[in-house]
Amino acid sequence: MSRLSKALSKLIPPGPAQEHCKRFYYRFFYNLRRFKRNNFYVYYENGYFVYEFLNGIRFKSYSDVEHELRSSLWGYIKKHELKNGETVIDCGPGEGEFTLYASKAVGDSGKVIAFEPDPLIFDVLKSNVELNELSNVILIKKGLWSENTVLRFTTAKNITRSFVVNEEGGKVIEVPVVTLDSALKELGIHKVDLIKMDVEGAEVEVIKGAGQFLANNKADLAIASYHMLDGEKTCFKLEKVLFGLGYKAETAYPDHLTTYASKE
């Protein structure tokens, strides 16, 4: 719940009056001070948020994903401009901010495949995809890993992210995980243009499970690599693994540390 929603809940009971106040606030005041920082507009209507970009991309979300868009979106597409007709893999979509943006960017002739293992987050992601009536998104309720198995998994306390490793206070469940190699083979996907990844420290294992596909393809990669694993950020291990697969890799975008990889 946003600060505005919390404040309004104290002053005005839930109902039409509160919804009207939120809609009025976002449309006439919010963007005056936020647009310059965000580079996108935020509106509120009929119980959901609307995000509108200068390039014409516009989508809706039941949850407020402004912070996630501002902190990570521009990093993921910094080295790869999404184009009409492209195929994109979203590993760790969360509530769907990148999935929704990418879906609109690649258009009806493109495709976005999103892997989300947390059942609570998956439900939010699915509702956001349905809200936008997207027909080019494939949602897969599984995690990605270096082998096909079942892992003990800690769900996120704030229902925005999940962790393969145990997080104190989270609920531990068992979830199916697959390799990207086997998943893409099952889906009949032979060419991918961009793989975006934010998997909370599991990125090295996910890359290991995609070794065959990456060795034989030229997909660009944008991987959140600020997570700590064995006392160091995962970007260092990622770069080594990607070099071994014939990729040129570099880590940049300090606002949301991201490892970029591509083949010549």
C-alpha atoms as a PDB file:
ATOM      1  CA  MET A   1       0.000   0.000   0.000  1.00  0.00           C
ATOM      2  CA  SER A   2       1.374   3.440  -0.941  1.00  0.00           C
ATOM      3  CA  ARG A   3       1.810   6.267   1.573  1.00  0.00           C
ATOM      4  CA  LEU A   4      -1.079   8.094  -0.062  1.00  0.00           C
ATOM      5  CA  SER A   5      -3.375   5.093   0.369  1.00  0.00           C
ATOM      6  CA  LYS A   6      -2.405   4.768   4.020  1.00  0.00           C
ATOM      7  CA  ALA A   7      -3.018   8.460   4.654  1.00  0.00           C
ATOM      8  CA  LEU A   8      -6.363   8.423   2.859  1.00  0.00           C
ATOM      9  CA  SER A   9      -7.444   5.318   4.768  1.00  0.00           C
ATOM     10  CA  LYS A  10      -7.038   7.267   7.998  1.00  0.00           C
ATOM     11  CA  LEU A  11      -8.912  10.322   6.720  1.00  0.00           C
ATOM     12  CA  ILE A  12     -11.499   8.865   4.343  1.00  0.00           C
ATOM     13  CA  PRO A  13     -13.105   5.419   4.567  1.00  0.00           C
ATOM     14  CA  PRO A  14     -12.670   3.097   1.556  1.00  0.00           C
ATOM     15  CA  GLY A  15     -15.194   3.808  -1.148  1.00  0.00           C
ATOM     16  CA  PRO A  16     -15.972   6.158  -4.044  1.00  0.00           C
ATOM     17  CA  ALA A  17     -14.776   9.286  -2.200  1.00  0.00           C
ATOM     18  CA  GLN A  18     -11.355   7.810  -1.466  1.00  0.00           C
ATOM     19  CA  GLU A  19     -10.989   6.527  -5.034  1.00  0.00           C
ATOM     20  CA  HIS A  20     -11.887   9.953  -6.403  1.00  0.00           C
ATOM     21  CA  CYS A  21      -9.243  11.620  -4.208  1.00  0.00           C
ATOM     22  CA  LYS A  22      -6.559   9.209  -5.364  1.00  0.00           C
ATOM     23  CA  ARG A  23      -7.485   9.686  -9.012  1.00  0.00           C
ATOM     24  CA  PHE A  24      -7.461  13.467  -8.653  1.00  0.00           C
ATOM     25  CA  TYR A  25      -4.144  13.493  -6.765  1.00  0.00           C
ATOM     26  CA  TYR A  26      -2.241  11.389  -9.290  1.00  0.00           C
ATOM     27  CA  ARG A  27      -3.635  13.177 -12.333  1.00  0.00           C
ATOM     28  CA  PHE A  28      -3.074  16.761 -11.200  1.00  0.00           C
ATOM     29  CA  PHE A  29      -0.286  16.761  -8.593  1.00  0.00           C
ATOM     30  CA  TYR A  30       1.768  13.591  -8.462  1.00  0.00           C
ATOM     31  CA  ASN A  31       3.531  13.870 -11.821  1.00  0.00           C
ATOM     32  CA  LEU A  32       4.518  17.512 -11.307  1.00  0.00           C
ATOM     33  CA  ARG A  33       7.318  16.420  -8.990  1.00  0.00           C
ATOM     34  CA  ARG A  34       7.811  12.795 -10.009  1.00  0.00           C
ATOM     35  CA  PHE A  35       7.929  12.769 -13.812  1.00  0.00           C
ATOM     36  CA  LYS A  36      11.370  14.353 -14.105  1.00  0.00           C
ATOM     37  CA  ARG A  37      12.821  11.610 -11.904  1.00  0.00           C
ATOM     38  CA  ASN A  38      10.796   8.746 -13.347  1.00  0.00           C
ATOM     39  CA  ASN A  39      10.593   9.620 -17.054  1.00  0.00           C
ATOM     40  CA  PHE A  40       7.082   8.176 -17.090  1.00  0.00           C
ATOM     41  CA  TYR A  41       3.655   9.340 -15.938  1.00  0.00           C
ATOM     42  CA  VAL A  42       1.646   7.651 -13.196  1.00  0.00           C
ATOM     43  CA  TYR A  43      -2.146   7.830 -13.045  1.00  0.00           C
ATOM     44  CA  TYR A  44      -4.777   6.092 -10.943  1.00  0.00           C
ATOM     45  CA  GLU A  45      -8.215   5.011 -12.098  1.00  0.00           C
ATOM     46  CA  ASN A  46     -10.817   2.361 -11.290  1.00  0.00           C
ATOM     47  CA  GLY A  47      -8.672   0.609  -8.689  1.00  0.00           C
ATOM     48  CA  TYR A  48      -5.452   0.289 -10.672  1.00  0.00           C
ATOM     49  CA  PHE A  49      -2.381   2.340 -11.590  1.00  0.00           C
ATOM     50  CA  VAL A  50      -1.568   3.408 -15.146  1.00  0.00           C
ATOM     51  CA  TYR A  51       2.015   3.924 -16.335  1.00  0.00           C
ATOM     52  CA  GLU A  52       2.529   5.982 -19.470  1.00  0.00           C
ATOM     53  CA  PHE A  53       5.881   6.466 -21.230  1.00  0.00           C
ATOM     54  CA  LEU A  54       6.924   9.062 -23.793  1.00  0.00           C
ATOM     55  CA  ASN A  55       7.577   6.344 -26.383  1.00  0.00           C
ATOM     56  CA  GLY A  56       3.857   5.486 -26.383  1.00  0.00           C
ATOM     57  CA  ILE A  57       4.017   2.426 -24.141  1.00  0.00           C
ATOM     58  CA  ARG A  58       1.161   2.368 -21.645  1.00  0.00           C
ATOM     59  CA  PHE A  59       0.062  -0.369 -19.250  1.00  0.00           C
ATOM     60  CA  LYS A  60      -1.944  -0.908 -16.070  1.00  0.00           C
ATOM     61  CA  SER A  61      -1.113  -2.582 -12.753  1.00  0.00           C
ATOM     62  CA  TYR A  62      -3.240  -3.418  -9.730  1.00  0.00           C
ATOM     63  CA  SER A  63      -0.127  -2.884  -7.593  1.00  0.00           C
ATOM     64  CA  ASP A  64       2.023   0.231  -7.446  1.00  0.00           C
ATOM     65  CA  VAL A  65       5.245  -0.660  -9.310  1.00  0.00           C
ATOM     66  CA  GLU A  66       6.600   2.877  -9.706  1.00  0.00           C
ATOM     67  CA  HIS A  67       9.679   2.225  -7.561  1.00  0.00           C
ATOM     68  CA  GLU A  68      10.595  -0.959  -9.440  1.00  0.00           C
ATOM     69  CA  LEU A  69      10.176   0.759 -12.809  1.00  0.00           C
ATOM     70  CA  ARG A  70      12.271   3.734 -11.752  1.00  0.00           C
ATOM     71  CA  SER A  71      15.102   1.709 -10.211  1.00  0.00           C
ATOM     72  CA  SER A  72      15.486  -1.148 -12.682  1.00  0.00           C
ATOM     73  CA  LEU A  73      13.643  -0.747 -15.998  1.00  0.00           C
ATOM     74  CA  TRP A  74      16.078   1.636 -17.671  1.00  0.00           C
ATOM     75  CA  GLY A  75      18.969  -0.587 -16.621  1.00  0.00           C
ATOM     76  CA  TYR A  76      17.474  -3.685 -18.216  1.00  0.00           C
ATOM     77  CA  ILE A  77      16.978  -1.993 -21.581  1.00  0.00           C
ATOM     78  CA  LYS A  78      20.123   0.145 -21.462  1.00  0.00           C
ATOM     79  CA  LYS A  79      22.043  -2.107 -23.874  1.00  0.00           C
ATOM     80  CA  HIS A  80      19.123  -3.600 -25.792  1.00  0.00           C
ATOM     81  CA  GLU A  81      16.305  -1.571 -27.280  1.00  0.00           C
ATOM     82  CA  LEU A  82      13.212  -3.749 -27.404  1.00  0.00           C
ATOM     83  CA  LYS A  83      11.779  -4.042 -30.902  1.00  0.00           C
ATOM     84  CA  ASN A  84       8.533  -5.194 -32.448  1.00  0.00           C
ATOM     85  CA  GLY A  85       8.445  -8.954 -32.966  1.00  0.00           C
ATOM     86  CA  GLU A  86      11.183  -9.867 -30.480  1.00  0.00           C
ATOM     87  CA  THR A  87      11.081 -12.749 -28.004  1.00  0.00           C
ATOM     88  CA  VAL A  88      11.944 -11.862 -24.399  1.00  0.00           C
ATOM     89  CA  ILE A  89      12.485 -14.098 -21.368  1.00  0.00           C
ATOM     90  CA  ASP A  90      11.706 -12.577 -17.958  1.00  0.00           C
ATOM     91  CA  CYS A  91      13.357 -14.614 -15.207  1.00  0.00           C
ATOM     92  CA  GLY A  92      11.944 -13.367 -11.918  1.00  0.00           C
ATOM     93  CA  PRO A  93       9.203 -10.991 -13.076  1.00  0.00           C
ATOM     94  CA  GLY A  94       7.791 -10.219  -9.632  1.00  0.00           C
ATOM     95  CA  GLU A  95       4.512  -8.364 -10.024  1.00  0.00           C
ATOM     96  CA  GLY A  96       5.254  -7.855 -13.705  1.00  0.00           C
ATOM     97  CA  GLU A  97       6.623  -4.358 -14.238  1.00  0.00           C
ATOM     98  CA  PHE A  98       9.189  -5.481 -16.839  1.00  0.00           C
ATOM     99  CA  THR A  99       6.904  -8.166 -18.298  1.00  0.00           C
ATOM    100  CA  LEU A 100       4.169  -5.595 -18.964  1.00  0.00           C
ATOM    101  CA  TYR A 101       6.557  -3.048 -20.475  1.00  0.00           C
ATOM    102  CA  ALA A 102       8.263  -5.651 -22.669  1.00  0.00           C
ATOM    103  CA  SER A 103       4.924  -7.058 -23.825  1.00  0.00           C
ATOM    104  CA  LYS A 104       3.855  -3.658 -25.097  1.00  0.00           C
ATOM    105  CA  ALA A 105       7.279  -2.971 -26.627  1.00  0.00           C
ATOM    106  CA  VAL A 106       7.495  -6.189 -28.682  1.00  0.00           C
ATOM    107  CA  GLY A 107       3.868  -5.993 -29.801  1.00  0.00           C
ATOM    108  CA  ASP A 108       1.454  -8.701 -30.846  1.00  0.00           C
ATOM    109  CA  SER A 109       4.037 -10.296 -33.143  1.00  0.00           C
ATOM    110  CA  GLY A 110       6.486 -10.613 -30.260  1.00  0.00           C
ATOM    111  CA  LYS A 111       6.465 -12.787 -27.174  1.00  0.00           C
ATOM    112  CA  VAL A 112       7.328 -12.534 -23.478  1.00  0.00           C
ATOM    113  CA  ILE A 113       7.858 -15.666 -21.373  1.00  0.00           C
ATOM    114  CA  ALA A 114       7.882 -15.055 -17.617  1.00  0.00           C
ATOM    115  CA  PHE A 115       8.997 -17.567 -14.959  1.00  0.00           C
ATOM    116  CA  GLU A 116       7.726 -16.864 -11.417  1.00  0.00           C
ATOM    117  CA  PRO A 117       7.878 -19.580  -8.694  1.00  0.00           C
ATOM    118  CA  ASP A 118       6.242 -17.778  -5.765  1.00  0.00           C
ATOM    119  CA  PRO A 119       2.501 -18.622  -5.834  1.00  0.00           C
ATOM    120  CA  LEU A 120       1.429 -15.369  -4.154  1.00  0.00           C
ATOM    121  CA  ILE A 121       3.482 -13.200  -6.475  1.00  0.00           C
ATOM    122  CA  PHE A 122       2.415 -15.296  -9.456  1.00  0.00           C
ATOM    123  CA  ASP A 123      -1.230 -14.503  -8.732  1.00  0.00           C
ATOM    124  CA  VAL A 124      -0.478 -10.752  -8.741  1.00  0.00           C
ATOM    125  CA  LEU A 125       1.528 -11.111 -11.952  1.00  0.00           C
ATOM    126  CA  LYS A 126      -1.286 -13.055 -13.619  1.00  0.00           C
ATOM    127  CA  SER A 127      -3.900 -10.492 -12.564  1.00  0.00           C
ATOM    128  CA  ASN A 128      -1.786  -7.679 -14.042  1.00  0.00           C
ATOM    129  CA  VAL A 129      -1.371  -9.543 -17.333  1.00  0.00           C
ATOM    130  CA  GLU A 130      -5.132 -10.172 -17.480  1.00  0.00           C
ATOM    131  CA  LEU A 131      -5.862  -6.543 -16.612  1.00  0.00           C
ATOM    132  CA  ASN A 132      -3.946  -5.483 -19.734  1.00  0.00           C
ATOM    133  CA  GLU A 133      -5.538  -8.232 -21.864  1.00  0.00           C
ATOM    134  CA  LEU A 134      -2.124  -9.336 -23.107  1.00  0.00           C
ATOM    135  CA  SER A 135      -2.103 -12.224 -25.563  1.00  0.00           C
ATOM    136  CA  ASN A 136       1.651 -12.322 -26.171  1.00  0.00           C
ATOM    137  CA  VAL A 137       2.684 -13.260 -22.606  1.00  0.00           C
ATOM    138  CA  ILE A 138       3.296 -16.840 -21.451  1.00  0.00           C
ATOM    139  CA  LEU A 139       3.338 -17.241 -17.660  1.00  0.00           C
ATOM    140  CA  ILE A 140       5.116 -20.223 -16.128  1.00  0.00           C
ATOM    141  CA  LYS A 141       4.605 -20.996 -12.444  1.00  0.00           C
ATOM    142  CA  LYS A 142       8.079 -22.424 -11.898  1.00  0.00           C
ATOM    143  CA  GLY A 143      11.493 -21.207 -10.880  1.00  0.00           C
ATOM    144  CA  LEU A 144      14.678 -21.504 -12.888  1.00  0.00           C
ATOM    145  CA  TRP A 145      17.738 -23.416 -11.701  1.00  0.00           C
ATOM    146  CA  SER A 146      20.696 -25.509 -12.858  1.00  0.00           C
ATOM    147  CA  GLU A 147      18.620 -28.721 -12.909  1.00  0.00           C
ATOM    148  CA  ASN A 148      15.013 -29.878 -12.984  1.00  0.00           C
ATOM    149  CA  THR A 149      14.053 -30.557  -9.383  1.00  0.00           C
ATOM    150  CA  VAL A 150      12.070 -29.286  -6.410  1.00  0.00           C
ATOM    151  CA  LEU A 151      13.612 -26.728  -4.045  1.00  0.00           C
ATOM    152  CA  ARG A 152      12.726 -25.459  -0.617  1.00  0.00           C
ATOM    153  CA  PHE A 153      11.839 -21.852  -1.169  1.00  0.00           C
ATOM    154  CA  THR A 154      11.190 -18.884   1.094  1.00  0.00           C
ATOM    155  CA  THR A 155       8.333 -16.637   0.047  1.00  0.00           C
ATOM    156  CA  ALA A 156       8.774 -12.895   0.341  1.00  0.00           C
ATOM    157  CA  LYS A 157       7.338 -11.205   3.409  1.00  0.00           C
ATOM    158  CA  ASN A 158       6.162  -8.166   1.460  1.00  0.00           C
ATOM    159  CA  ILE A 159       4.901 -10.085  -1.595  1.00  0.00           C
ATOM    160  CA  THR A 160       7.216  -8.352  -4.003  1.00  0.00           C
ATOM    161  CA  ARG A 161      10.124 -10.780  -4.273  1.00  0.00           C
ATOM    162  CA  SER A 162      11.058 -14.363  -3.385  1.00  0.00           C
ATOM    163  CA  PHE A 163      14.292 -16.033  -2.392  1.00  0.00           C
ATOM    164  CA  VAL A 164      15.748 -19.449  -3.103  1.00  0.00           C
ATOM    165  CA  VAL A 165      17.758 -19.230   0.093  1.00  0.00           C
ATOM    166  CA  ASN A 166      15.974 -18.938   3.410  1.00  0.00           C
ATOM    167  CA  GLU A 167      14.971 -15.473   4.556  1.00  0.00           C
ATOM    168  CA  GLU A 168      14.260 -15.094   8.255  1.00  0.00           C
ATOM    169  CA  GLY A 169      10.551 -14.635   8.835  1.00  0.00           C
ATOM    170  CA  GLY A 170       9.436 -15.957   5.463  1.00  0.00           C
ATOM    171  CA  LYS A 171       7.291 -19.015   4.865  1.00  0.00           C
ATOM    172  CA  VAL A 172       9.203 -22.001   3.489  1.00  0.00           C
ATOM    173  CA  ILE A 173       7.461 -23.922   0.697  1.00  0.00           C
ATOM    174  CA  GLU A 174       8.516 -26.390  -1.986  1.00  0.00           C
ATOM    175  CA  VAL A 175       8.435 -25.249  -5.602  1.00  0.00           C
ATOM    176  CA  PRO A 176       9.325 -26.891  -8.915  1.00  0.00           C
ATOM    177  CA  VAL A 177      12.362 -25.475 -10.715  1.00  0.00           C
ATOM    178  CA  VAL A 178      13.569 -26.194 -14.237  1.00  0.00           C
ATOM    179  CA  THR A 179      16.518 -25.348 -16.418  1.00  0.00           C
ATOM    180  CA  LEU A 180      16.028 -22.698 -19.049  1.00  0.00           C
ATOM    181  CA  ASP A 181      17.423 -25.212 -21.553  1.00  0.00           C
ATOM    182  CA  SER A 182      14.645 -27.725 -20.872  1.00  0.00           C
ATOM    183  CA  ALA A 183      11.887 -25.096 -20.566  1.00  0.00           C
ATOM    184  CA  LEU A 184      12.667 -23.463 -23.913  1.00  0.00           C
ATOM    185  CA  LYS A 185      12.937 -26.856 -25.581  1.00  0.00           C
ATOM    186  CA  GLU A 186       9.509 -27.827 -24.226  1.00  0.00           C
ATOM    187  CA  LEU A 187       8.032 -24.519 -25.419  1.00  0.00           C
ATOM    188  CA  GLY A 188       9.601 -24.907 -28.848  1.00  0.00           C
ATOM    189  CA  ILE A 189      11.477 -21.610 -28.526  1.00  0.00           C
ATOM    190  CA  HIS A 190      14.594 -21.606 -30.706  1.00  0.00           C
ATOM    191  CA  LYS A 191      15.472 -17.917 -30.778  1.00  0.00           C
ATOM    192  CA  VAL A 192      15.463 -15.355 -27.971  1.00  0.00           C
ATOM    193  CA  ASP A 193      16.435 -11.703 -28.321  1.00  0.00           C
ATOM    194  CA  LEU A 194      16.717 -10.645 -24.659  1.00  0.00           C
ATOM    195  CA  ILE A 195      16.908 -12.487 -21.360  1.00  0.00           C
ATOM    196  CA  LYS A 196      16.188 -10.275 -18.352  1.00  0.00           C
ATOM    197  CA  MET A 197      16.901 -11.763 -14.944  1.00  0.00           C
ATOM    198  CA  ASP A 198      16.373 -10.829 -11.307  1.00  0.00           C
ATOM    199  CA  VAL A 199      16.402 -14.044  -9.289  1.00  0.00           C
ATOM    200  CA  GLU A 200      17.710 -12.951  -5.892  1.00  0.00           C
ATOM    201  CA  GLY A 201      21.144 -14.574  -5.939  1.00  0.00           C
ATOM    202  CA  ALA A 202      20.293 -17.641  -8.047  1.00  0.00           C
ATOM    203  CA  GLU A 203      21.549 -16.060 -11.276  1.00  0.00           C
ATOM    204  CA  VAL A 204      24.719 -18.166 -11.570  1.00  0.00           C
ATOM    205  CA  GLU A 205      22.704 -21.390 -11.171  1.00  0.00           C
ATOM    206  CA  VAL A 206      20.161 -20.197 -13.738  1.00  0.00           C
ATOM    207  CA  ILE A 207      22.912 -19.462 -16.264  1.00  0.00           C
ATOM    208  CA  LYS A 208      24.358 -22.937 -15.703  1.00  0.00           C
ATOM    209  CA  GLY A 209      20.951 -24.342 -16.580  1.00  0.00           C
ATOM    210  CA  ALA A 210      20.884 -22.294 -19.785  1.00  0.00           C
ATOM    211  CA  GLY A 211      24.365 -23.236 -20.962  1.00  0.00           C
ATOM    212  CA  GLN A 212      23.316 -25.248 -23.990  1.00  0.00           C
ATOM    213  CA  PHE A 213      20.903 -22.612 -25.276  1.00  0.00           C
ATOM    214  CA  LEU A 214      23.315 -19.727 -24.688  1.00  0.00           C
ATOM    215  CA  ALA A 215      26.214 -21.552 -26.343  1.00  0.00           C
ATOM    216  CA  ASN A 216      24.180 -21.972 -29.527  1.00  0.00           C
ATOM    217  CA  ASN A 217      22.349 -18.621 -29.596  1.00  0.00           C
ATOM    218  CA  LYS A 218      23.063 -14.897 -29.505  1.00  0.00           C
ATOM    219  CA  ALA A 219      20.528 -13.655 -26.998  1.00  0.00           C
ATOM    220  CA  ASP A 220      21.443 -10.460 -25.151  1.00  0.00           C
ATOM    221  CA  LEU A 221      21.349 -10.668 -21.358  1.00  0.00           C
ATOM    222  CA  ALA A 222      20.576  -8.102 -18.659  1.00  0.00           C
ATOM    223  CA  ILE A 223      20.968  -9.658 -15.203  1.00  0.00           C
ATOM    224  CA  ALA A 224      20.495  -7.984 -11.816  1.00  0.00           C
ATOM    225  CA  SER A 225      23.772  -8.894 -10.128  1.00  0.00           C
ATOM    226  CA  TYR A 226      23.921  -6.847  -6.921  1.00  0.00           C
ATOM    227  CA  HIS A 227      22.976  -9.871  -4.814  1.00  0.00           C
ATOM    228  CA  MET A 228      25.502 -11.301  -2.348  1.00  0.00           C
ATOM    229  CA  LEU A 229      26.594 -14.938  -2.607  1.00  0.00           C
ATOM    230  CA  ASP A 230      29.416 -16.444  -0.558  1.00  0.00           C
ATOM    231  CA  GLY A 231      30.481 -12.989   0.561  1.00  0.00           C
ATOM    232  CA  GLU A 232      30.687 -11.273  -2.829  1.00  0.00           C
ATOM    233  CA  LYS A 233      28.362  -9.767  -5.389  1.00  0.00           C
ATOM    234  CA  THR A 234      27.196 -12.247  -7.995  1.00  0.00           C
ATOM    235  CA  CYS A 235      28.377 -10.022 -10.863  1.00  0.00           C
ATOM    236  CA  PHE A 236      31.944 -11.329 -10.534  1.00  0.00           C
ATOM    237  CA  LYS A 237      30.974 -15.007 -10.823  1.00  0.00           C
ATOM    238  CA  LEU A 238      28.471 -14.198 -13.548  1.00  0.00           C
ATOM    239  CA  GLU A 239      31.051 -12.531 -15.750  1.00  0.00           C
ATOM    240  CA  LYS A 240      33.350 -15.559 -15.500  1.00  0.00           C
ATOM    241  CA  VAL A 241      30.571 -18.017 -16.339  1.00  0.00           C
ATOM    242  CA  LEU A 242      29.391 -15.917 -19.281  1.00  0.00           C
ATOM    243  CA  PHE A 243      32.914 -15.517 -20.655  1.00  0.00           C
ATOM    244  CA  GLY A 244      33.140 -19.320 -20.659  1.00  0.00           C
ATOM    245  CA  LEU A 245      30.011 -19.468 -22.835  1.00  0.00           C
ATOM    246  CA  GLY A 246      31.515 -17.155 -25.437  1.00  0.00           C
ATOM    247  CA  TYR A 247      29.846 -13.964 -24.231  1.00  0.00           C
ATOM    248  CA  LYS A 248      31.325 -10.538 -23.741  1.00  0.00           C
ATOM    249  CA  ALA A 249      30.138  -9.415 -20.290  1.00  0.00           C
ATOM    250  CA  GLU A 250      30.308  -6.206 -18.307  1.00  0.00           C
ATOM    251  CA  THR A 251      28.637  -4.923 -15.164  1.00  0.00           C
ATOM    252  CA  ALA A 252      27.274  -1.376 -14.962  1.00  0.00           C
ATOM    253  CA  TYR A 253      24.226   0.714 -13.990  1.00  0.00           C
ATOM    254  CA  PRO A 254      25.020   1.303 -10.299  1.00  0.00           C
ATOM    255  CA  ASP A 255      21.439   2.352  -9.500  1.00  0.00           C
ATOM    256  CA  HIS A 256      20.456  -1.308  -9.937  1.00  0.00           C
ATOM    257  CA  LEU A 257      23.711  -3.175 -10.610  1.00  0.00           C
ATOM    258  CA  THR A 258      23.243  -5.123 -13.827  1.00  0.00           C
ATOM    259  CA  THR A 259      25.501  -7.481 -15.757  1.00  0.00           C
ATOM    260  CA  TYR A 260      25.121  -7.158 -19.524  1.00  0.00           C
ATOM    261  CA  ALA A 261      26.261  -9.881 -21.903  1.00  0.00           C
ATOM    262  CA  SER A 262      26.184 -10.304 -25.654  1.00  0.00           C
ATOM    263  CA  LYS A 263      27.971 -12.077 -28.459  1.00  0.00           C
ATOM    264  CA  GLU A 264      29.709 -10.399 -31.342  1.00  0.00           C
END
